[in-house]
Amino acid sequence: MAPRHEQVADELRRAIAREEFPVGAQLPSETQLAARYGVSRGTVRQAVATLTADGMIGSRQGARHVVLAGRRSQSFAELRSFAQWAEAMGREATGSVVSSEYLPASSEDATRLQLAEGVPVLHVLRVRGLDGENVLLERTVYADWVAPSVARIPADCPSVTRRLYEDDGLVFAYGEHLIDAVAAGALDAELLGVRRTSPLLRVRRVTTTQTGRPVEWSDDRYRSDAVSFSVHNSIGANPLARRTGPGLTPS
């Protein structure tokens, strides 16, 4: 069983997630929280410290804690790996490979992966499920130097990221994500069980090693009714940038 302060932290996370304590609101005092959860003020203090480390709440000396975000910040591994994200939420991730083939690198592949055009790269289409329901299609192109390692991984492996680290010591260190919306084509609709032209949330991602060497680029398409993204920014750390869409060009 988890320590009591971790249990209290989890209960506070759930209360914040259901907006019992909305973003911007003050939390009850330590004395009030201790009475609410039947614990000591020291235990409350530890639970609050955990949520502060997660970036969910902030504090100022002599004032009550304030809710800063509706959910904890996710680690890079959770954002990069669907399986690790699901695991962190206590959900079950499934996946299967629809197709896997080597193709000559297109101009887009070459640009994103910093390779010469025509170099053989591995294209993999996976369908991912959450608690048994398909919610994501991953179209991933792996650079030539990592493709043989990916090709050896069993098709039903839940986390390619974790397997590459365990087998080859490969660390995915940096990623850039571009998020927009697209309409489901015939294949997308069939694999995700939605109507053709249904809106899908698309995340295009390039991931690199710690030295900046591109490992993969991916076009991930989520069912819009199943997954959403939120950004928690602040004056000290702001990972969000606005970009115009392809339909808007400078005049």
C-alpha atoms as a PDB file:
ATOM      1  CA  MET A   1       0.000   0.000   0.000  1.00  0.00           C
ATOM      2  CA  ALA A   2       1.238   3.479  -0.877  1.00  0.00           C
ATOM      3  CA  PRO A   3       2.305   5.795   1.977  1.00  0.00           C
ATOM      4  CA  ARG A   4      -0.550   7.883   3.350  1.00  0.00           C
ATOM      5  CA  HIS A   5       0.811  11.163   1.997  1.00  0.00           C
ATOM      6  CA  GLU A   6       0.826   9.678  -1.529  1.00  0.00           C
ATOM      7  CA  GLN A   7      -2.773   8.559  -1.070  1.00  0.00           C
ATOM      8  CA  VAL A   8      -3.738  12.065   0.029  1.00  0.00           C
ATOM      9  CA  ALA A   9      -1.866  13.527  -2.953  1.00  0.00           C
ATOM     10  CA  ASP A  10      -3.842  11.225  -5.285  1.00  0.00           C
ATOM     11  CA  GLU A  11      -7.130  12.242  -3.661  1.00  0.00           C
ATOM     12  CA  LEU A  12      -6.217  15.915  -4.074  1.00  0.00           C
ATOM     13  CA  ARG A  13      -5.319  15.321  -7.746  1.00  0.00           C
ATOM     14  CA  ARG A  14      -8.747  13.806  -8.330  1.00  0.00           C
ATOM     15  CA  ALA A  15     -10.463  16.698  -6.532  1.00  0.00           C
ATOM     16  CA  ILE A  16      -8.556  19.176  -8.724  1.00  0.00           C
ATOM     17  CA  ALA A  17      -9.299  17.174 -11.895  1.00  0.00           C
ATOM     18  CA  ARG A  18     -13.057  17.257 -11.211  1.00  0.00           C
ATOM     19  CA  GLU A  19     -12.731  21.019 -10.530  1.00  0.00           C
ATOM     20  CA  GLU A  20     -13.715  20.848  -6.893  1.00  0.00           C
ATOM     21  CA  PHE A  21     -10.667  23.103  -6.608  1.00  0.00           C
ATOM     22  CA  PRO A  22     -10.480  24.859 -10.026  1.00  0.00           C
ATOM     23  CA  VAL A  23      -7.399  26.511 -11.489  1.00  0.00           C
ATOM     24  CA  GLY A  24      -6.774  29.792  -9.653  1.00  0.00           C
ATOM     25  CA  ALA A  25      -8.589  28.711  -6.483  1.00  0.00           C
ATOM     26  CA  GLN A  26      -6.954  28.461  -3.077  1.00  0.00           C
ATOM     27  CA  LEU A  27      -6.717  25.089  -1.405  1.00  0.00           C
ATOM     28  CA  PRO A  28      -8.172  24.731   2.106  1.00  0.00           C
ATOM     29  CA  SER A  29      -5.731  25.280   4.935  1.00  0.00           C
ATOM     30  CA  GLU A  30      -3.487  22.466   6.180  1.00  0.00           C
ATOM     31  CA  THR A  31      -5.736  22.121   9.245  1.00  0.00           C
ATOM     32  CA  GLN A  32      -8.851  21.808   7.071  1.00  0.00           C
ATOM     33  CA  LEU A  33      -7.195  19.294   4.728  1.00  0.00           C
ATOM     34  CA  ALA A  34      -5.938  17.255   7.684  1.00  0.00           C
ATOM     35  CA  ALA A  35      -9.493  17.041   9.043  1.00  0.00           C
ATOM     36  CA  ARG A  36     -10.901  16.230   5.589  1.00  0.00           C
ATOM     37  CA  TYR A  37      -8.581  13.275   5.041  1.00  0.00           C
ATOM     38  CA  GLY A  38      -8.142  12.205   8.658  1.00  0.00           C
ATOM     39  CA  VAL A  39      -4.368  12.687   8.718  1.00  0.00           C
ATOM     40  CA  SER A  40      -1.803  14.870  10.447  1.00  0.00           C
ATOM     41  CA  ARG A  41      -0.771  18.286   9.156  1.00  0.00           C
ATOM     42  CA  GLY A  42       2.669  16.815   8.443  1.00  0.00           C
ATOM     43  CA  THR A  43       1.118  14.261   6.099  1.00  0.00           C
ATOM     44  CA  VAL A  44      -0.841  17.033   4.353  1.00  0.00           C
ATOM     45  CA  ARG A  45       2.369  19.031   4.013  1.00  0.00           C
ATOM     46  CA  GLN A  46       4.072  16.068   2.281  1.00  0.00           C
ATOM     47  CA  ALA A  47       1.095  15.573  -0.061  1.00  0.00           C
ATOM     48  CA  VAL A  48       1.073  19.257  -0.976  1.00  0.00           C
ATOM     49  CA  ALA A  49       4.828  19.153  -1.630  1.00  0.00           C
ATOM     50  CA  THR A  50       4.226  16.292  -4.096  1.00  0.00           C
ATOM     51  CA  LEU A  51       1.635  18.309  -6.021  1.00  0.00           C
ATOM     52  CA  THR A  52       3.914  21.334  -5.984  1.00  0.00           C
ATOM     53  CA  ALA A  53       6.685  19.242  -7.555  1.00  0.00           C
ATOM     54  CA  ASP A  54       4.179  18.095 -10.212  1.00  0.00           C
ATOM     55  CA  GLY A  55       3.451  21.735 -11.067  1.00  0.00           C
ATOM     56  CA  MET A  56      -0.204  21.462 -10.071  1.00  0.00           C
ATOM     57  CA  ILE A  57      -0.124  23.951  -7.211  1.00  0.00           C
ATOM     58  CA  GLY A  58       1.978  26.921  -6.149  1.00  0.00           C
ATOM     59  CA  SER A  59       2.599  28.651  -2.868  1.00  0.00           C
ATOM     60  CA  ARG A  60       3.726  31.915  -1.358  1.00  0.00           C
ATOM     61  CA  GLN A  61       5.062  32.253   2.160  1.00  0.00           C
ATOM     62  CA  GLY A  62       2.256  33.123   4.552  1.00  0.00           C
ATOM     63  CA  ALA A  63      -0.502  32.419   2.006  1.00  0.00           C
ATOM     64  CA  ARG A  64      -2.568  29.404   1.073  1.00  0.00           C
ATOM     65  CA  HIS A  65      -1.603  27.176  -1.832  1.00  0.00           C
ATOM     66  CA  VAL A  66      -3.184  28.015  -5.196  1.00  0.00           C
ATOM     67  CA  VAL A  67      -4.160  25.542  -7.946  1.00  0.00           C
ATOM     68  CA  LEU A  68      -2.031  26.200 -11.039  1.00  0.00           C
ATOM     69  CA  ALA A  69      -3.039  23.309 -13.322  1.00  0.00           C
ATOM     70  CA  GLY A  70      -5.887  20.823 -13.630  1.00  0.00           C
ATOM     71  CA  ARG A  71      -3.562  17.855 -13.965  1.00  0.00           C
ATOM     72  CA  ARG A  72       0.073  17.088 -13.319  1.00  0.00           C
ATOM     73  CA  SER A  73       2.707  17.734 -15.963  1.00  0.00           C
ATOM     74  CA  GLN A  74       3.600  14.634 -17.924  1.00  0.00           C
ATOM     75  CA  SER A  75       7.141  13.419 -18.314  1.00  0.00           C
ATOM     76  CA  PHE A  76       8.817  13.415 -21.713  1.00  0.00           C
ATOM     77  CA  ALA A  77       8.602   9.609 -21.754  1.00  0.00           C
ATOM     78  CA  GLU A  78       4.831   9.758 -21.223  1.00  0.00           C
ATOM     79  CA  LEU A  79       4.382  12.284 -24.022  1.00  0.00           C
ATOM     80  CA  ARG A  80       6.639  10.311 -26.354  1.00  0.00           C
ATOM     81  CA  SER A  81       5.291   6.830 -25.532  1.00  0.00           C
ATOM     82  CA  PHE A  82       1.568   6.051 -25.716  1.00  0.00           C
ATOM     83  CA  ALA A  83       2.096   2.927 -23.592  1.00  0.00           C
ATOM     84  CA  GLN A  84       3.918   4.788 -20.832  1.00  0.00           C
ATOM     85  CA  TRP A  85       1.275   7.545 -20.858  1.00  0.00           C
ATOM     86  CA  ALA A  86      -1.498   4.971 -20.448  1.00  0.00           C
ATOM     87  CA  GLU A  87       0.459   3.197 -17.700  1.00  0.00           C
ATOM     88  CA  ALA A  88       0.873   6.446 -15.758  1.00  0.00           C
ATOM     89  CA  MET A  89      -2.916   6.889 -15.805  1.00  0.00           C
ATOM     90  CA  GLY A  90      -3.554   3.324 -14.670  1.00  0.00           C
ATOM     91  CA  ARG A  91      -5.010   2.410 -18.075  1.00  0.00           C
ATOM     92  CA  GLU A  92      -4.191  -0.540 -20.330  1.00  0.00           C
ATOM     93  CA  ALA A  93      -2.485   0.187 -23.649  1.00  0.00           C
ATOM     94  CA  THR A  94      -2.687  -2.215 -26.583  1.00  0.00           C
ATOM     95  CA  GLY A  95      -1.198  -2.032 -30.033  1.00  0.00           C
ATOM     96  CA  SER A  96      -0.665  -3.905 -33.250  1.00  0.00           C
ATOM     97  CA  VAL A  97       1.345  -3.314 -36.399  1.00  0.00           C
ATOM     98  CA  VAL A  98      -0.806  -2.883 -39.498  1.00  0.00           C
ATOM     99  CA  SER A  99       2.115  -2.582 -41.902  1.00  0.00           C
ATOM    100  CA  SER A 100       5.913  -2.326 -41.787  1.00  0.00           C
ATOM    101  CA  GLU A 101       8.115  -1.825 -44.841  1.00  0.00           C
ATOM    102  CA  TYR A 102      11.366  -0.282 -45.992  1.00  0.00           C
ATOM    103  CA  LEU A 103      10.934   2.523 -48.512  1.00  0.00           C
ATOM    104  CA  PRO A 104      13.350   5.009 -50.079  1.00  0.00           C
ATOM    105  CA  ALA A 105      13.434   8.215 -48.066  1.00  0.00           C
ATOM    106  CA  SER A 106      11.217  10.880 -49.619  1.00  0.00           C
ATOM    107  CA  SER A 107      12.196  14.539 -49.616  1.00  0.00           C
ATOM    108  CA  GLU A 108      10.104  15.008 -46.457  1.00  0.00           C
ATOM    109  CA  ASP A 109      11.731  11.998 -44.764  1.00  0.00           C
ATOM    110  CA  ALA A 110      15.169  13.281 -45.732  1.00  0.00           C
ATOM    111  CA  THR A 111      14.474  16.755 -44.356  1.00  0.00           C
ATOM    112  CA  ARG A 112      12.988  15.593 -41.064  1.00  0.00           C
ATOM    113  CA  LEU A 113      15.540  12.836 -40.430  1.00  0.00           C
ATOM    114  CA  GLN A 114      18.554  14.701 -41.884  1.00  0.00           C
ATOM    115  CA  LEU A 115      19.287  11.955 -44.391  1.00  0.00           C
ATOM    116  CA  ALA A 116      19.941  11.769 -48.112  1.00  0.00           C
ATOM    117  CA  GLU A 117      16.931  11.144 -50.317  1.00  0.00           C
ATOM    118  CA  GLY A 118      16.570   7.518 -51.359  1.00  0.00           C
ATOM    119  CA  VAL A 119      18.183   6.037 -48.237  1.00  0.00           C
ATOM    120  CA  PRO A 120      16.071   3.060 -47.045  1.00  0.00           C
ATOM    121  CA  VAL A 121      13.950   4.051 -44.021  1.00  0.00           C
ATOM    122  CA  LEU A 122      11.400   1.987 -42.127  1.00  0.00           C
ATOM    123  CA  HIS A 123       7.728   3.007 -42.360  1.00  0.00           C
ATOM    124  CA  VAL A 124       5.504   1.512 -39.645  1.00  0.00           C
ATOM    125  CA  LEU A 125       1.744   1.928 -39.257  1.00  0.00           C
ATOM    126  CA  ARG A 126       0.421   0.969 -35.826  1.00  0.00           C
ATOM    127  CA  VAL A 127      -3.030   1.095 -34.320  1.00  0.00           C
ATOM    128  CA  ARG A 128      -3.119   1.792 -30.588  1.00  0.00           C
ATOM    129  CA  GLY A 129      -5.881   1.029 -28.118  1.00  0.00           C
ATOM    130  CA  LEU A 130      -6.811   2.302 -24.675  1.00  0.00           C
ATOM    131  CA  ASP A 131      -8.608  -0.229 -22.475  1.00  0.00           C
ATOM    132  CA  GLY A 132      -9.392  -2.275 -25.585  1.00  0.00           C
ATOM    133  CA  GLU A 133     -10.748   0.549 -27.751  1.00  0.00           C
ATOM    134  CA  ASN A 134      -8.760   1.826 -30.743  1.00  0.00           C
ATOM    135  CA  VAL A 135      -7.967   5.528 -30.286  1.00  0.00           C
ATOM    136  CA  LEU A 136      -4.728   6.244 -32.164  1.00  0.00           C
ATOM    137  CA  LEU A 137      -2.974   5.582 -35.463  1.00  0.00           C
ATOM    138  CA  GLU A 138       0.798   6.026 -35.529  1.00  0.00           C
ATOM    139  CA  ARG A 139       2.564   6.456 -38.858  1.00  0.00           C
ATOM    140  CA  THR A 140       6.237   6.453 -37.929  1.00  0.00           C
ATOM    141  CA  VAL A 141       9.314   6.699 -40.140  1.00  0.00           C
ATOM    142  CA  TYR A 142      12.530   5.469 -38.524  1.00  0.00           C
ATOM    143  CA  ALA A 143      15.979   6.611 -39.636  1.00  0.00           C
ATOM    144  CA  ASP A 144      18.148   4.056 -41.426  1.00  0.00           C
ATOM    145  CA  TRP A 145      20.568   3.664 -38.507  1.00  0.00           C
ATOM    146  CA  VAL A 146      17.851   2.640 -36.014  1.00  0.00           C
ATOM    147  CA  ALA A 147      15.482   0.839 -38.404  1.00  0.00           C
ATOM    148  CA  PRO A 148      17.050  -2.663 -38.008  1.00  0.00           C
ATOM    149  CA  SER A 149      16.575  -2.498 -34.220  1.00  0.00           C
ATOM    150  CA  VAL A 150      12.928  -1.469 -34.632  1.00  0.00           C
ATOM    151  CA  ALA A 151      12.309  -4.203 -37.203  1.00  0.00           C
ATOM    152  CA  ARG A 152      13.429  -6.856 -34.684  1.00  0.00           C
ATOM    153  CA  ILE A 153      10.862  -5.769 -32.079  1.00  0.00           C
ATOM    154  CA  PRO A 154       7.766  -8.017 -31.897  1.00  0.00           C
ATOM    155  CA  ALA A 155       4.659  -6.506 -33.483  1.00  0.00           C
ATOM    156  CA  ASP A 156       2.696  -6.702 -30.226  1.00  0.00           C
ATOM    157  CA  CYS A 157       5.352  -4.938 -28.107  1.00  0.00           C
ATOM    158  CA  PRO A 158       3.472  -2.310 -26.037  1.00  0.00           C
ATOM    159  CA  SER A 159       6.312   0.242 -25.917  1.00  0.00           C
ATOM    160  CA  VAL A 160       8.906   0.542 -28.699  1.00  0.00           C
ATOM    161  CA  THR A 161      10.543   3.405 -26.795  1.00  0.00           C
ATOM    162  CA  ARG A 162      11.162   1.256 -23.725  1.00  0.00           C
ATOM    163  CA  ARG A 163      12.303  -1.730 -25.786  1.00  0.00           C
ATOM    164  CA  LEU A 164      14.885   0.334 -27.706  1.00  0.00           C
ATOM    165  CA  TYR A 165      16.244   1.633 -24.409  1.00  0.00           C
ATOM    166  CA  GLU A 166      16.413  -1.864 -22.874  1.00  0.00           C
ATOM    167  CA  ASP A 167      17.965  -3.531 -25.941  1.00  0.00           C
ATOM    168  CA  ASP A 168      20.147  -0.783 -27.386  1.00  0.00           C
ATOM    169  CA  GLY A 169      20.443   1.870 -24.691  1.00  0.00           C
ATOM    170  CA  LEU A 170      18.759   4.362 -27.009  1.00  0.00           C
ATOM    171  CA  VAL A 171      17.412   7.407 -25.177  1.00  0.00           C
ATOM    172  CA  PHE A 172      14.770   9.602 -26.808  1.00  0.00           C
ATOM    173  CA  ALA A 173      15.751  13.009 -25.463  1.00  0.00           C
ATOM    174  CA  TYR A 174      14.093  15.814 -27.416  1.00  0.00           C
ATOM    175  CA  GLY A 175      10.896  16.181 -29.376  1.00  0.00           C
ATOM    176  CA  GLU A 176       9.018  18.832 -31.306  1.00  0.00           C
ATOM    177  CA  HIS A 177       5.250  18.420 -31.629  1.00  0.00           C
ATOM    178  CA  LEU A 178       3.007  20.163 -34.140  1.00  0.00           C
ATOM    179  CA  ILE A 179      -0.708  19.726 -33.373  1.00  0.00           C
ATOM    180  CA  ASP A 180      -3.566  20.314 -35.801  1.00  0.00           C
ATOM    181  CA  ALA A 181      -6.792  18.693 -37.022  1.00  0.00           C
ATOM    182  CA  VAL A 182      -7.424  16.544 -40.105  1.00  0.00           C
ATOM    183  CA  ALA A 183     -10.366  14.634 -41.565  1.00  0.00           C
ATOM    184  CA  ALA A 184     -10.300  10.844 -41.374  1.00  0.00           C
ATOM    185  CA  GLY A 185      -9.601   9.139 -44.682  1.00  0.00           C
ATOM    186  CA  ALA A 186     -10.968   5.720 -45.600  1.00  0.00           C
ATOM    187  CA  LEU A 187      -8.181   3.729 -43.882  1.00  0.00           C
ATOM    188  CA  ASP A 188      -8.147   5.931 -40.780  1.00  0.00           C
ATOM    189  CA  ALA A 189     -11.913   5.597 -40.446  1.00  0.00           C
ATOM    190  CA  GLU A 190     -11.799   1.819 -40.804  1.00  0.00           C
ATOM    191  CA  LEU A 191      -9.014   1.293 -38.258  1.00  0.00           C
ATOM    192  CA  LEU A 192     -10.413   3.720 -35.674  1.00  0.00           C
ATOM    193  CA  GLY A 193     -14.058   2.782 -36.116  1.00  0.00           C
ATOM    194  CA  VAL A 194     -15.230   6.285 -37.022  1.00  0.00           C
ATOM    195  CA  ARG A 195     -17.011   7.800 -39.990  1.00  0.00           C
ATOM    196  CA  ARG A 196     -14.989   8.941 -42.959  1.00  0.00           C
ATOM    197  CA  THR A 197     -14.174  12.691 -42.720  1.00  0.00           C
ATOM    198  CA  SER A 198     -14.606  12.580 -38.934  1.00  0.00           C
ATOM    199  CA  PRO A 199     -12.217  15.052 -37.227  1.00  0.00           C
ATOM    200  CA  LEU A 200      -8.979  13.559 -35.930  1.00  0.00           C
ATOM    201  CA  LEU A 201      -6.395  15.263 -33.730  1.00  0.00           C
ATOM    202  CA  ARG A 202      -3.058  15.022 -35.538  1.00  0.00           C
ATOM    203  CA  VAL A 203       0.308  15.316 -33.796  1.00  0.00           C
ATOM    204  CA  ARG A 204       3.374  15.408 -36.035  1.00  0.00           C
ATOM    205  CA  ARG A 205       6.526  14.748 -34.077  1.00  0.00           C
ATOM    206  CA  VAL A 206      10.281  14.618 -34.677  1.00  0.00           C
ATOM    207  CA  THR A 207      12.285  12.937 -31.905  1.00  0.00           C
ATOM    208  CA  THR A 208      16.051  13.082 -31.481  1.00  0.00           C
ATOM    209  CA  THR A 209      18.791  11.663 -29.291  1.00  0.00           C
ATOM    210  CA  GLN A 210      20.631  13.660 -26.644  1.00  0.00           C
ATOM    211  CA  THR A 211      23.099  14.766 -29.325  1.00  0.00           C
ATOM    212  CA  GLY A 212      20.302  15.996 -31.596  1.00  0.00           C
ATOM    213  CA  ARG A 213      20.420  13.102 -34.057  1.00  0.00           C
ATOM    214  CA  PRO A 214      16.915  12.438 -35.457  1.00  0.00           C
ATOM    215  CA  VAL A 215      15.593   8.969 -34.619  1.00  0.00           C
ATOM    216  CA  GLU A 216      12.092   9.114 -36.076  1.00  0.00           C
ATOM    217  CA  TRP A 217       9.350  11.309 -37.319  1.00  0.00           C
ATOM    218  CA  SER A 218       5.721  10.429 -36.817  1.00  0.00           C
ATOM    219  CA  ASP A 219       2.227  11.411 -37.903  1.00  0.00           C
ATOM    220  CA  ASP A 220      -0.066  10.378 -35.016  1.00  0.00           C
ATOM    221  CA  ARG A 221      -3.848  10.648 -35.399  1.00  0.00           C
ATOM    222  CA  TYR A 222      -6.100  10.463 -32.348  1.00  0.00           C
ATOM    223  CA  ARG A 223      -9.842  10.090 -32.184  1.00  0.00           C
ATOM    224  CA  SER A 224     -10.912  13.546 -31.079  1.00  0.00           C
ATOM    225  CA  ASP A 225     -13.498  12.133 -28.668  1.00  0.00           C
ATOM    226  CA  ALA A 226     -10.888  10.031 -26.876  1.00  0.00           C
ATOM    227  CA  VAL A 227      -7.798  12.212 -26.361  1.00  0.00           C
ATOM    228  CA  SER A 228      -7.073  15.904 -25.873  1.00  0.00           C
ATOM    229  CA  PHE A 229      -3.966  17.918 -25.040  1.00  0.00           C
ATOM    230  CA  SER A 230      -3.504  20.712 -22.524  1.00  0.00           C
ATOM    231  CA  VAL A 231      -0.605  23.120 -22.090  1.00  0.00           C
ATOM    232  CA  HIS A 232       0.428  24.515 -18.713  1.00  0.00           C
ATOM    233  CA  ASN A 233       2.549  27.591 -19.261  1.00  0.00           C
ATOM    234  CA  SER A 234       3.950  30.244 -16.970  1.00  0.00           C
ATOM    235  CA  ILE A 235       6.118  33.337 -17.044  1.00  0.00           C
ATOM    236  CA  GLY A 236       9.103  31.143 -16.200  1.00  0.00           C
ATOM    237  CA  ALA A 237       8.467  28.276 -18.616  1.00  0.00           C
ATOM    238  CA  ASN A 238       6.375  28.495 -21.765  1.00  0.00           C
ATOM    239  CA  PRO A 239       6.594  25.535 -24.159  1.00  0.00           C
ATOM    240  CA  LEU A 240       3.695  26.732 -26.330  1.00  0.00           C
ATOM    241  CA  ALA A 241       4.193  28.554 -29.633  1.00  0.00           C
ATOM    242  CA  ARG A 242       1.498  29.673 -32.073  1.00  0.00           C
ATOM    243  CA  ARG A 243       1.958  29.023 -35.798  1.00  0.00           C
ATOM    244  CA  THR A 244      -0.249  29.899 -38.718  1.00  0.00           C
ATOM    245  CA  GLY A 245      -1.758  27.063 -40.724  1.00  0.00           C
ATOM    246  CA  PRO A 246      -0.819  26.249 -44.324  1.00  0.00           C
ATOM    247  CA  GLY A 247      -3.844  28.236 -45.531  1.00  0.00           C
ATOM    248  CA  LEU A 248      -2.501  31.511 -44.112  1.00  0.00           C
ATOM    249  CA  THR A 249       0.471  33.050 -45.872  1.00  0.00           C
ATOM    250  CA  PRO A 250       2.095  36.425 -45.190  1.00  0.00           C
ATOM    251  CA  SER A 251       0.744  39.231 -47.357  1.00  0.00           C
END
